[in-house]
Structure formats: structure tokens, C-alpha cells
C-alpha atoms as a PDB file:
ATOM      1  CA  TYR A   1      -0.013  -0.140   0.024  1.00  0.00           C
ATOM      2  CA  TYR A   2       3.015   2.337   0.414  1.00  0.00           C
ATOM      3  CA  ASN A   3       3.950   4.659  -2.454  1.00  0.00           C
ATOM      4  CA  TRP A   4       7.698   5.292  -2.258  1.00  0.00           C
ATOM      5  CA  ALA A   5       7.610   7.987  -4.667  1.00  0.00           C
ATOM      6  CA  SER A   6       5.261  10.116  -3.068  1.00  0.00           C
ATOM      7  CA  GLY A   7       5.790   9.116   0.247  1.00  0.00           C
ATOM      8  CA  LYS A   8       2.111   8.393   0.912  1.00  0.00           C
ATOM      9  CA  MET A   9      -0.226   5.190   1.151  1.00  0.00           C
ATOM     10  CA  GLU A  10      -3.407   4.099   0.128  1.00  0.00           C
ATOM     11  CA  LYS A  11      -4.240   2.409   3.598  1.00  0.00           C
ATOM     12  CA  CYS A  12      -2.955   2.641   7.119  1.00  0.00           C
ATOM     13  CA  ILE A  13       0.037   0.659   7.723  1.00  0.00           C
ATOM     14  CA  LEU A  14       1.352   2.605  10.466  1.00  0.00           C
ATOM     15  CA  CYS A  15       3.591   4.438   8.708  1.00  0.00           C
ATOM     16  CA  TYR A  16       6.496   1.674   9.067  1.00  0.00           C
ATOM     17  CA  PRO A  17       9.141   3.541   7.085  1.00  0.00           C
ATOM     18  CA  ARG A  18       8.888   6.368   9.724  1.00  0.00           C
ATOM     19  CA  VAL A  19       8.485   4.675  12.848  1.00  0.00           C
ATOM     20  CA  GLU A  20      11.705   2.501  12.036  1.00  0.00           C
ATOM     21  CA  SER A  21      13.441   5.410  11.265  1.00  0.00           C
ATOM     22  CA  GLY A  22      12.459   6.851  14.894  1.00  0.00           C
ATOM     23  CA  LEU A  23       9.756   9.349  13.539  1.00  0.00           C
ATOM     24  CA  PRO A  24       5.949   9.385  14.458  1.00  0.00           C
ATOM     25  CA  PRO A  25       3.150   8.087  12.134  1.00  0.00           C
ATOM     26  CA  VAL A  26       1.954  11.162  10.192  1.00  0.00           C
ATOM     27  CA  CYS A  27      -1.594  11.222  11.743  1.00  0.00           C
ATOM     28  CA  PHE A  28       0.228  11.677  15.114  1.00  0.00           C
ATOM     29  CA  HIS A  29       2.538  14.110  14.056  1.00  0.00           C
ATOM     30  CA  SER A  30       0.081  16.136  12.416  1.00  0.00           C
ATOM     31  CA  CYS A  31      -2.639  16.092  14.832  1.00  0.00           C
ATOM     32  CA  VAL A  32      -3.508  19.672  15.720  1.00  0.00           C
ATOM     33  CA  GLY A  33      -4.688  18.451  19.439  1.00  0.00           C
ATOM     34  CA  LYS A  34      -1.577  17.001  20.584  1.00  0.00           C
ATOM     35  CA  ILE A  35      -3.651  14.400  21.743  1.00  0.00           C
ATOM     36  CA  ARG A  36      -1.330  11.421  20.369  1.00  0.00           C
ATOM     37  CA  SER A  37       1.446   9.798  22.078  1.00  0.00           C
ATOM     38  CA  PHE A  38       3.312   6.997  20.477  1.00  0.00           C
ATOM     39  CA  GLY A  39       6.089   4.642  22.384  1.00  0.00           C
ATOM     40  CA  VAL A  40       7.463   1.524  23.523  1.00  0.00           C
ATOM     41  CA  LEU A  41       5.312  -0.834  25.718  1.00  0.00           C
ATOM     42  CA  LEU A  42       6.948  -3.938  27.206  1.00  0.00           C
ATOM     43  CA  TYR A  43       4.598  -7.171  27.887  1.00  0.00           C
ATOM     44  CA  ASP A  44       4.885 -10.432  29.233  1.00  0.00           C
ATOM     45  CA  MET A  45       4.430 -12.859  26.007  1.00  0.00           C
ATOM     46  CA  ASP A  46       3.904 -15.926  28.491  1.00  0.00           C
ATOM     47  CA  MET A  47       0.598 -14.136  29.980  1.00  0.00           C
ATOM     48  CA  VAL A  48      -1.010 -13.700  26.270  1.00  0.00           C
ATOM     49  CA  ASN A  49      -2.852 -16.565  26.247  1.00  0.00           C
ATOM     50  CA  GLU A  50      -4.249 -16.154  29.813  1.00  0.00           C
ATOM     51  CA  VAL A  51      -5.417 -12.698  29.267  1.00  0.00           C
ATOM     52  CA  THR A  52      -7.198 -13.622  25.963  1.00  0.00           C
ATOM     53  CA  LEU A  53      -9.044 -16.388  28.189  1.00  0.00           C
ATOM     54  CA  ALA A  54      -9.958 -14.132  30.701  1.00  0.00           C
ATOM     55  CA  ASP A  55     -13.726 -13.046  31.570  1.00  0.00           C
ATOM     56  CA  ASP A  56     -14.941 -10.139  29.874  1.00  0.00           C
ATOM     57  CA  GLN A  57     -15.066  -7.973  33.355  1.00  0.00           C
ATOM     58  CA  ASP A  58     -11.706  -9.000  33.707  1.00  0.00           C
ATOM     59  CA  LEU A  59      -9.879  -8.594  30.268  1.00  0.00           C
ATOM     60  CA  VAL A  60      -8.893  -4.476  30.954  1.00  0.00           C
ATOM     61  CA  THR A  61      -7.291  -5.654  34.308  1.00  0.00           C
ATOM     62  CA  LYS A  62      -5.595  -8.927  32.702  1.00  0.00           C
ATOM     63  CA  HIS A  63      -4.486  -6.901  29.941  1.00  0.00           C
ATOM     64  CA  ARG A  64      -2.577  -4.157  32.184  1.00  0.00           C
ATOM     65  CA  GLU A  65      -1.200  -7.029  34.249  1.00  0.00           C
ATOM     66  CA  ALA A  66       0.528  -8.232  30.973  1.00  0.00           C
ATOM     67  CA  ILE A  67       2.409  -4.966  30.531  1.00  0.00           C
ATOM     68  CA  LEU A  68       5.695  -4.553  32.178  1.00  0.00           C
ATOM     69  CA  ASP A  69       7.438  -2.119  34.473  1.00  0.00           C
ATOM     70  CA  PRO A  70      10.214  -0.900  32.343  1.00  0.00           C
ATOM     71  CA  PHE A  71      12.045   0.432  35.711  1.00  0.00           C
ATOM     72  CA  ASP A  72      11.895  -3.378  37.099  1.00  0.00           C
ATOM     73  CA  PRO A  73      15.561  -4.765  37.195  1.00  0.00           C
ATOM     74  CA  SER A  74      14.274  -8.176  36.616  1.00  0.00           C
ATOM     75  CA  VAL A  75      12.121  -6.903  33.637  1.00  0.00           C
ATOM     76  CA  ILE A  76      15.300  -5.110  32.195  1.00  0.00           C
ATOM     77  CA  GLU A  77      17.756  -8.449  32.806  1.00  0.00           C
ATOM     78  CA  ALA A  78      14.780 -10.332  30.725  1.00  0.00           C
ATOM     79  CA  ALA A  79      14.529  -7.717  28.043  1.00  0.00           C
ATOM     80  CA  LYS A  80      18.259  -8.062  27.320  1.00  0.00           C
ATOM     81  CA  LYS A  81      18.234 -11.545  27.643  1.00  0.00           C
ATOM     82  CA  GLU A  82      15.644 -11.090  24.212  1.00  0.00           C
ATOM     83  CA  GLY A  83      17.819  -8.853  22.585  1.00  0.00           C
ATOM     84  CA  LEU A  84      16.519  -5.408  23.577  1.00  0.00           C
ATOM     85  CA  GLY A  85      19.128  -3.036  23.505  1.00  0.00           C
ATOM     86  CA  ASP A  86      19.415  -0.413  25.900  1.00  0.00           C
ATOM     87  CA  ASP A  87      17.949   2.368  23.304  1.00  0.00           C
ATOM     88  CA  TRP A  88      14.662   0.330  23.301  1.00  0.00           C
ATOM     89  CA  ILE A  89      14.650   0.095  27.447  1.00  0.00           C
ATOM     90  CA  ASP A  90      15.505   3.747  27.614  1.00  0.00           C
ATOM     91  CA  ALA A  91      12.528   4.587  25.175  1.00  0.00           C
ATOM     92  CA  ALA A  92      10.061   2.275  27.261  1.00  0.00           C
ATOM     93  CA  GLN A  93      11.247   4.201  30.348  1.00  0.00           C
ATOM     94  CA  ARG A  94      10.965   7.864  28.721  1.00  0.00           C
ATOM     95  CA  SER A  95       7.872   7.159  26.801  1.00  0.00           C
ATOM     96  CA  PRO A  96       4.528   8.094  28.986  1.00  0.00           C
ATOM     97  CA  ILE A  97       2.809   5.311  27.209  1.00  0.00           C
ATOM     98  CA  TYR A  98       3.157   2.824  30.445  1.00  0.00           C
ATOM     99  CA  LYS A  99       2.211   5.534  32.834  1.00  0.00           C
ATOM    100  CA  ILE A 100      -1.228   6.491  31.054  1.00  0.00           C
ATOM    101  CA  VAL A 101      -2.125   2.948  30.312  1.00  0.00           C
ATOM    102  CA  LYS A 102      -1.290   1.070  33.335  1.00  0.00           C
ATOM    103  CA  LYS A 103       0.180   3.464  36.553  1.00  0.00           C
ATOM    104  CA  TRP A 104      -2.613   5.945  35.992  1.00  0.00           C
ATOM    105  CA  GLU A 105      -5.260   3.591  34.557  1.00  0.00           C
ATOM    106  CA  ILE A 106      -6.802   6.163  32.561  1.00  0.00           C
ATOM    107  CA  ALA A 107      -6.205   4.926  28.513  1.00  0.00           C
ATOM    108  CA  LEU A 108      -8.207   1.750  27.642  1.00  0.00           C
ATOM    109  CA  PRO A 109      -8.080  -0.489  25.039  1.00  0.00           C
ATOM    110  CA  LEU A 110     -10.937  -0.677  21.992  1.00  0.00           C
ATOM    111  CA  HIS A 111     -13.117  -3.300  22.031  1.00  0.00           C
ATOM    112  CA  PRO A 112     -11.190  -5.752  24.235  1.00  0.00           C
ATOM    113  CA  GLU A 113     -13.788  -8.277  24.167  1.00  0.00           C
ATOM    114  CA  PHE A 114     -12.516  -9.162  20.593  1.00  0.00           C
ATOM    115  CA  ARG A 115      -9.395 -10.464  22.507  1.00  0.00           C
ATOM    116  CA  THR A 116      -6.800  -9.192  19.799  1.00  0.00           C
ATOM    117  CA  LEU A 117      -4.774  -7.495  22.721  1.00  0.00           C
ATOM    118  CA  PRO A 118      -4.480  -4.222  20.820  1.00  0.00           C
ATOM    119  CA  SER A 119      -1.607  -1.991  21.476  1.00  0.00           C
ATOM    120  CA  LEU A 120      -3.605   1.136  20.556  1.00  0.00           C
ATOM    121  CA  PHE A 121      -5.192   2.605  23.616  1.00  0.00           C
ATOM    122  CA  TYR A 122      -7.564   5.573  23.897  1.00  0.00           C
ATOM    123  CA  ILE A 123      -8.729   7.776  26.839  1.00  0.00           C
ATOM    124  CA  PRO A 124     -12.268   8.067  27.264  1.00  0.00           C
ATOM    125  CA  PRO A 125     -13.701  11.606  27.143  1.00  0.00           C
ATOM    126  CA  LEU A 126     -14.993  14.017  29.766  1.00  0.00           C
ATOM    127  CA  ALA A 127     -18.083  14.747  27.670  1.00  0.00           C
ATOM    128  CA  PRO A 128     -20.161  17.836  28.299  1.00  0.00           C
ATOM    129  CA  ILE A 129     -22.892  17.675  30.888  1.00  0.00           C
ATOM    130  CA  THR A 130     -26.542  16.872  29.600  1.00  0.00           C
ATOM    131  CA  THR A 131     -28.556  19.685  28.209  1.00  0.00           C
ATOM    132  CA  SER A 132     -32.226  20.549  29.052  1.00  0.00           C
ATOM    133  CA  ALA A 133     -34.763  22.939  27.026  1.00  0.00           C
ATOM    134  CA  GLY A 134     -35.570  25.958  28.621  1.00  0.00           C
ATOM    135  CA  LYS A 135     -34.237  25.008  32.208  1.00  0.00           C
ATOM    136  CA  ASN A 136     -33.185  28.284  34.106  1.00  0.00           C
ATOM    137  CA  THR A 137     -32.295  30.151  31.159  1.00  0.00           C
ATOM    138  CA  PRO A 138     -33.224  33.741  30.471  1.00  0.00           C
ATOM    139  CA  LEU A 139     -34.672  33.227  27.232  1.00  0.00           C
ATOM    140  CA  ASP A 140     -37.431  30.842  26.178  1.00  0.00           C
ATOM    141  CA  THR A 141     -35.663  30.654  22.704  1.00  0.00           C
ATOM    142  CA  ASP A 142     -32.413  29.108  24.399  1.00  0.00           C
ATOM    143  CA  VAL A 143     -33.008  25.198  24.366  1.00  0.00           C
ATOM    144  CA  PHE A 144     -29.097  24.464  25.226  1.00  0.00           C
ATOM    145  CA  ASP A 145     -29.173  25.399  28.812  1.00  0.00           C
ATOM    146  CA  MET A 146     -26.913  22.896  30.723  1.00  0.00           C
ATOM    147  CA  THR A 147     -27.731  21.015  33.652  1.00  0.00           C
ATOM    148  CA  LYS A 148     -25.587  22.987  36.398  1.00  0.00           C
ATOM    149  CA  PRO A 149     -23.478  21.117  38.944  1.00  0.00           C
ATOM    150  CA  GLU A 150     -24.303  21.008  42.476  1.00  0.00           C
ATOM    151  CA  ASN A 151     -20.981  22.249  43.843  1.00  0.00           C
ATOM    152  CA  GLY A 152     -19.023  25.166  41.974  1.00  0.00           C
ATOM    153  CA  PRO A 153     -18.568  25.165  38.187  1.00  0.00           C
ATOM    154  CA  LEU A 154     -16.935  21.935  37.734  1.00  0.00           C
ATOM    155  CA  VAL A 155     -18.790  18.657  37.902  1.00  0.00           C
ATOM    156  CA  GLY A 156     -18.220  16.931  41.347  1.00  0.00           C
ATOM    157  CA  LEU A 157     -16.847  13.233  41.554  1.00  0.00           C
ATOM    158  CA  ASP A 158     -20.020  11.795  42.224  1.00  0.00           C
ATOM    159  CA  GLU A 159     -21.916  13.432  39.338  1.00  0.00           C
ATOM    160  CA  LEU A 160     -20.633  11.251  36.632  1.00  0.00           C
ATOM    161  CA  ASP A 161     -24.294  10.515  35.590  1.00  0.00           C
ATOM    162  CA  LYS A 162     -24.512  14.255  34.433  1.00  0.00           C
ATOM    163  CA  PHE A 163     -22.172  13.708  31.534  1.00  0.00           C
ATOM    164  CA  ARG A 164     -24.070  13.901  28.018  1.00  0.00           C
ATOM    165  CA  LEU A 165     -22.190  10.637  27.141  1.00  0.00           C
ATOM    166  CA  PRO A 166     -23.366   7.475  28.866  1.00  0.00           C
ATOM    167  CA  ILE A 167     -20.834   5.527  31.135  1.00  0.00           C
ATOM    168  CA  ALA A 168     -22.499   2.241  29.446  1.00  0.00           C
ATOM    169  CA  TYR A 169     -21.696   3.205  25.975  1.00  0.00           C
ATOM    170  CA  LEU A 170     -18.258   4.138  26.679  1.00  0.00           C
ATOM    171  CA  ALA A 171     -17.899   0.689  28.592  1.00  0.00           C
ATOM    172  CA  SER A 172     -19.179  -1.135  25.663  1.00  0.00           C
ATOM    173  CA  MET A 173     -16.347   0.490  23.501  1.00  0.00           C
ATOM    174  CA  PHE A 174     -13.465   0.347  25.997  1.00  0.00           C
ATOM    175  CA  GLY A 175     -14.343  -1.884  28.928  1.00  0.00           C
ATOM    176  CA  ALA A 176     -16.319  -4.935  27.452  1.00  0.00           C
ATOM    177  CA  GLY A 177     -19.026  -3.630  29.466  1.00  0.00           C
ATOM    178  CA  ASN A 178     -17.172  -3.040  32.472  1.00  0.00           C
ATOM    179  CA  GLU A 179     -18.191   0.137  33.633  1.00  0.00           C
ATOM    180  CA  GLN A 180     -15.806   0.510  36.688  1.00  0.00           C
ATOM    181  CA  VAL A 181     -12.664   0.747  34.365  1.00  0.00           C
ATOM    182  CA  VAL A 182     -14.230   3.681  32.462  1.00  0.00           C
ATOM    183  CA  LYS A 183     -15.477   5.409  35.759  1.00  0.00           C
ATOM    184  CA  THR A 184     -11.469   5.045  37.084  1.00  0.00           C
ATOM    185  CA  ALA A 185     -10.569   6.577  33.904  1.00  0.00           C
ATOM    186  CA  LEU A 186     -12.990   9.598  33.890  1.00  0.00           C
ATOM    187  CA  LEU A 187     -12.649  10.152  37.795  1.00  0.00           C
ATOM    188  CA  ARG A 188      -8.849  10.253  37.550  1.00  0.00           C
ATOM    189  CA  GLN A 189      -9.067  12.952  34.733  1.00  0.00           C
ATOM    190  CA  LEU A 190     -11.995  14.924  36.749  1.00  0.00           C
ATOM    191  CA  ALA A 191     -10.099  14.949  39.711  1.00  0.00           C
ATOM    192  CA  VAL A 192      -6.787  16.450  38.127  1.00  0.00           C
ATOM    193  CA  ARG A 193      -9.086  19.205  36.683  1.00  0.00           C
ATOM    194  CA  HIS A 194     -10.254  20.226  40.210  1.00  0.00           C
ATOM    195  CA  HIS A 195      -6.708  19.882  41.415  1.00  0.00           C
ATOM    196  CA  GLU A 196      -5.511  22.445  38.807  1.00  0.00           C
ATOM    197  CA  ARG A 197      -8.583  24.812  39.487  1.00  0.00           C
ATOM    198  CA  SER A 198      -7.696  24.834  42.886  1.00  0.00           C
ATOM    199  CA  LEU A 199      -4.116  25.867  42.310  1.00  0.00           C
ATOM    200  CA  ARG A 200      -5.317  28.881  39.922  1.00  0.00           C
ATOM    201  CA  VAL A 201      -8.348  29.911  41.488  1.00  0.00           C
ATOM    202  CA  GLU A 202      -7.802  29.115  45.301  1.00  0.00           C
ATOM    203  CA  LYS A 203      -4.044  29.270  45.051  1.00  0.00           C
ATOM    204  CA  LYS A 204      -3.569  26.109  47.136  1.00  0.00           C
ATOM    205  CA  PRO A 205      -3.747  22.505  46.270  1.00  0.00           C
ATOM    206  CA  ASN A 206      -6.736  20.311  46.559  1.00  0.00           C
ATOM    207  CA  LEU A 207      -4.975  17.315  47.481  1.00  0.00           C
ATOM    208  CA  ASP A 208      -8.359  15.446  49.065  1.00  0.00           C
ATOM    209  CA  VAL A 209      -9.713  15.127  45.464  1.00  0.00           C
ATOM    210  CA  LEU A 210      -6.702  13.420  44.272  1.00  0.00           C
ATOM    211  CA  LYS A 211      -6.788  10.790  47.294  1.00  0.00           C
ATOM    212  CA  GLN A 212     -10.338   9.987  46.331  1.00  0.00           C
ATOM    213  CA  VAL A 213      -9.204   8.650  43.119  1.00  0.00           C
ATOM    214  CA  GLY A 214      -5.772   7.174  44.363  1.00  0.00           C
ATOM    215  CA  LEU A 215      -3.504   9.701  42.793  1.00  0.00           C
ATOM    216  CA  THR A 216      -0.990  11.730  44.417  1.00  0.00           C
ATOM    217  CA  GLU A 217       0.090  15.280  43.814  1.00  0.00           C
ATOM    218  CA  GLU A 218       3.306  14.188  41.637  1.00  0.00           C
ATOM    219  CA  ASP A 219       0.837  11.954  39.713  1.00  0.00           C
ATOM    220  CA  ALA A 220      -1.458  14.906  38.872  1.00  0.00           C
ATOM    221  CA  LYS A 221       1.642  17.159  37.824  1.00  0.00           C
ATOM    222  CA  GLU A 222       2.677  14.343  35.422  1.00  0.00           C
ATOM    223  CA  MET A 223      -0.531  13.813  33.866  1.00  0.00           C
ATOM    224  CA  VAL A 224      -0.906  17.830  33.196  1.00  0.00           C
ATOM    225  CA  ARG A 225       2.716  17.763  31.664  1.00  0.00           C
ATOM    226  CA  ALA A 226       1.816  14.585  29.466  1.00  0.00           C
ATOM    227  CA  LEU A 227      -1.765  15.421  28.311  1.00  0.00           C
ATOM    228  CA  SER A 228      -2.016  18.903  28.489  1.00  0.00           C
ATOM    229  CA  LEU A 229       1.239  20.719  27.622  1.00  0.00           C
ATOM    230  CA  ALA A 230       2.068  17.407  25.747  1.00  0.00           C
ATOM    231  CA  PHE A 231       5.900  18.389  24.770  1.00  0.00           C
ATOM    232  CA  TYR A 232       6.712  16.738  21.352  1.00  0.00           C
ATOM    233  CA  ASP A 233       9.671  15.026  22.476  1.00  0.00           C
ATOM    234  CA  GLU A 234       8.023  13.605  25.401  1.00  0.00           C
ATOM    235  CA  ARG A 235       4.656  12.343  23.292  1.00  0.00           C
ATOM    236  CA  PHE A 236       6.768  10.405  20.836  1.00  0.00           C
ATOM    237  CA  VAL A 237       9.531   8.561  22.181  1.00  0.00           C
ATOM    238  CA  LEU A 238      10.756   5.854  19.352  1.00  0.00           C
ATOM    239  CA  PRO A 239      13.999   4.273  19.129  1.00  0.00           C
ATOM    240  CA  THR A 240      15.389   3.183  15.459  1.00  0.00           C
ATOM    241  CA  THR A 241      15.384  -0.148  14.060  1.00  0.00           C
ATOM    242  CA  LYS A 242      18.263  -2.480  14.207  1.00  0.00           C
ATOM    243  CA  ARG A 243      18.688  -1.844  10.444  1.00  0.00           C
ATOM    244  CA  GLU A 244      22.294  -3.257  10.586  1.00  0.00           C
ATOM    245  CA  SER A 245      21.073  -6.818  11.861  1.00  0.00           C
ATOM    246  CA  ALA A 246      17.982  -7.127   8.831  1.00  0.00           C
ATOM    247  CA  GLU A 247      18.656  -9.439   6.087  1.00  0.00           C
ATOM    248  CA  ILE A 248      16.794  -7.532   3.760  1.00  0.00           C
ATOM    249  CA  SER A 249      16.035  -3.619   3.574  1.00  0.00           C
ATOM    250  CA  PRO A 250      12.562  -2.116   2.603  1.00  0.00           C
ATOM    251  CA  TYR A 251      14.068   0.625   0.760  1.00  0.00           C
ATOM    252  CA  THR A 252      16.091  -1.345  -1.762  1.00  0.00           C
ATOM    253  CA  GLU A 253      12.842  -3.609  -2.278  1.00  0.00           C
ATOM    254  CA  ARG A 254      10.597  -0.968  -2.757  1.00  0.00           C
ATOM    255  CA  GLY A 255       8.425  -1.025  -5.862  1.00  0.00           C
ATOM    256  CA  LEU A 256       9.074  -5.092  -6.261  1.00  0.00           C
ATOM    257  CA  ALA A 257       5.808  -6.051  -4.557  1.00  0.00           C
ATOM    258  CA  GLY A 258       2.960  -6.519  -7.057  1.00  0.00           C
ATOM    259  CA  PHE A 259       0.209  -9.167  -7.921  1.00  0.00           C
ATOM    260  CA  ASP A 260       2.225 -10.433 -10.941  1.00  0.00           C
ATOM    261  CA  LYS A 261       5.311 -11.023  -8.376  1.00  0.00           C
ATOM    262  CA  MET A 262       3.739 -12.352  -5.531  1.00  0.00           C
ATOM    263  CA  ASN A 263       1.921 -15.628  -7.232  1.00  0.00           C
ATOM    264  CA  PRO A 264       2.776 -19.026  -6.348  1.00  0.00           C
ATOM    265  CA  TRP A 265       3.992 -20.341  -9.833  1.00  0.00           C
ATOM    266  CA  SER A 266       6.690 -17.389  -9.866  1.00  0.00           C
ATOM    267  CA  PRO A 267       7.889 -16.289  -6.240  1.00  0.00           C
ATOM    268  CA  MET A 268       9.198 -12.868  -6.051  1.00  0.00           C
ATOM    269  CA  LYS A 269      13.072 -12.759  -5.562  1.00  0.00           C
ATOM    270  CA  ARG A 270      14.108 -10.669  -2.970  1.00  0.00           C
ATOM    271  CA  ARG A 271      17.385  -8.367  -3.448  1.00  0.00           C
ATOM    272  CA  LYS A 272      19.458  -6.666  -0.617  1.00  0.00           C
ATOM    273  CA  SER A 273      21.190  -4.287  -2.816  1.00  0.00           C
ATOM    274  CA  TYR A 274      20.758  -2.337  -6.044  1.00  0.00           C
ATOM    275  CA  PHE A 275      23.821  -4.085  -7.691  1.00  0.00           C
ATOM    276  CA  LYS A 276      23.786  -7.480  -9.674  1.00  0.00           C
ATOM    277  CA  SER A 277      26.259 -10.190  -8.444  1.00  0.00           C
ATOM    278  CA  TYR A 278      28.722 -10.904 -11.030  1.00  0.00           C
ATOM    279  CA  HIS A 279      30.384 -13.302  -8.794  1.00  0.00           C
ATOM    280  CA  THR A 280      27.642 -16.037  -8.750  1.00  0.00           C
ATOM    281  CA  ASP A 281      25.817 -16.578 -11.976  1.00  0.00           C
ATOM    282  CA  SER A 282      22.563 -17.809 -10.035  1.00  0.00           C
ATOM    283  CA  LYS A 283      21.921 -14.707  -8.214  1.00  0.00           C
ATOM    284  CA  ASP A 284      20.446 -12.029  -9.779  1.00  0.00           C
ATOM    285  CA  TYR A 285      21.231  -9.604  -6.924  1.00  0.00           C
ATOM    286  CA  GLU A 286      23.468  -9.818  -3.806  1.00  0.00           C
END
């Protein structure tokens, strides 16, 4: 699907030529909202079978259990035994993906009930609260009056039912029907919003709201930096592919794959360089 001449593709292939070179995919790079991050996750391959056989209510939890802590010495040692270099381990440690998915538990896999263990995670949105026609409005024509929170301008932690987007709908997409994992993600985002408002309006941090959802002040600061400030070099932490150990290069093979080259009667010949082999007659390329 990739057009080497134009640098574009007809279908999404996760921009593998860019990723292998340490660059984020184009859609991540050009996202004006700075709401996408891309990085390395270390996971336990031996747990994959256990995760895929888990009950629907436990799928998200089991998926997170399979993701390993990149700072754990035993994980680092095992990763090196499997051939991962220091650059990949360093990328896993600097990437915000581990914190977003497992430490803070605010990102969820899409349709985990399919049991494909996707490595693409979504943060459920804090939707606007519900609207009502003509309630507490100075004009009868104003039909977009919003339901008002009970205490202050922000929705309280106990008022998730006022959000316009139903929790059950989000749980059907991101939690295999488990509403608790979705509520945890929403409550922690809401708690950080309360904390940031207390810093700017009341000039003192509201730590109680963070404790209610299991976050520390340091977690709140890191979440704001990762999700709101979202610096480029912190959102995209990509190590380069080990090209020197690859037997073939996509660059030298570009344009060779086609329907007439990939049939079982005349299989495609792979080449490792542009130059023909003058040393071995049986080889077209070396």
C-alpha cells in the first residue's frame, strides 16, 4: 500500500518507514490537538494466552497485568536476554505510554472483548454535561441550557451521571461492558481538573480530591505535563530499528511487490542491494 515515490500510502500501515527511522506516524505528527502519544510498551508474552481467555469483566485488568514495568530490574534483565538494546529500554522508560495505560489507568483498549490485545489505547472523554430545554434560562428560545453541577463550576466526582455521553456506552467500547474501569479513567481526569482549578483559583492544592481517586500530587503534575502541555519529544519516544541486523531492506525492495510478482508459480525474488552479483551466476542480486 505504500507509495515510495510520493511517500504516501492508500491504507494505514502505521507509517512503518517513519517508525523504523524513529519518527512518529504522520497522523500522530500532524494532530493539531496534540492528543496522541507513541512509544514502547514491554509486555509478558507468556501471559498472552491467559489474558485472551479471561472473563469479559477482567479483560482490561489482565491486559494491564501483562504490561511490564520498564524500571523493574528483573524486567530490564529479561528484556536484554531477549535481544532488546539499551536504546529500546530507555525509550520504554521515557515514554508516557506506560504511565497513561497502567500507572494512571486512564487509557483503555478498544473493544477488548475481541481478544486481539490491541496496543492502541484510548482515553475516554470527559463529555459535556447534559442539556435541557428552557431550564434556568433567561430566554425561552435558548434550548441549550446546561445541567448545572451542584457545587461550583466543575462536575463533582459523584456526578458522572450528568455527563452527556453514557458510561454504559463508553464501557461497551473500552471496557467489554465493565463500567468500573471507565469510571476510574473519568474520575481521575476529573480529579486532576479539580486540582488544577484549586491551584489557579484558590491558590492552594486540593489534595483530598486526588486521594479519593488514588492519585498523588506528583501524578497530577505528570498527567498535566503529559496530556495538556504534551511536549513533542515527550509524546513521541521512538527508538530506531536495528537496520544493521536486518537481512533485507525495505528501501532496496521498494516497488518490487505487485500482484504479478507474488503468485505461487513465480515467487518474488528478494534483493539486498541495487547491484547485480557478478560473482555468482545464479544470483540476480546480492
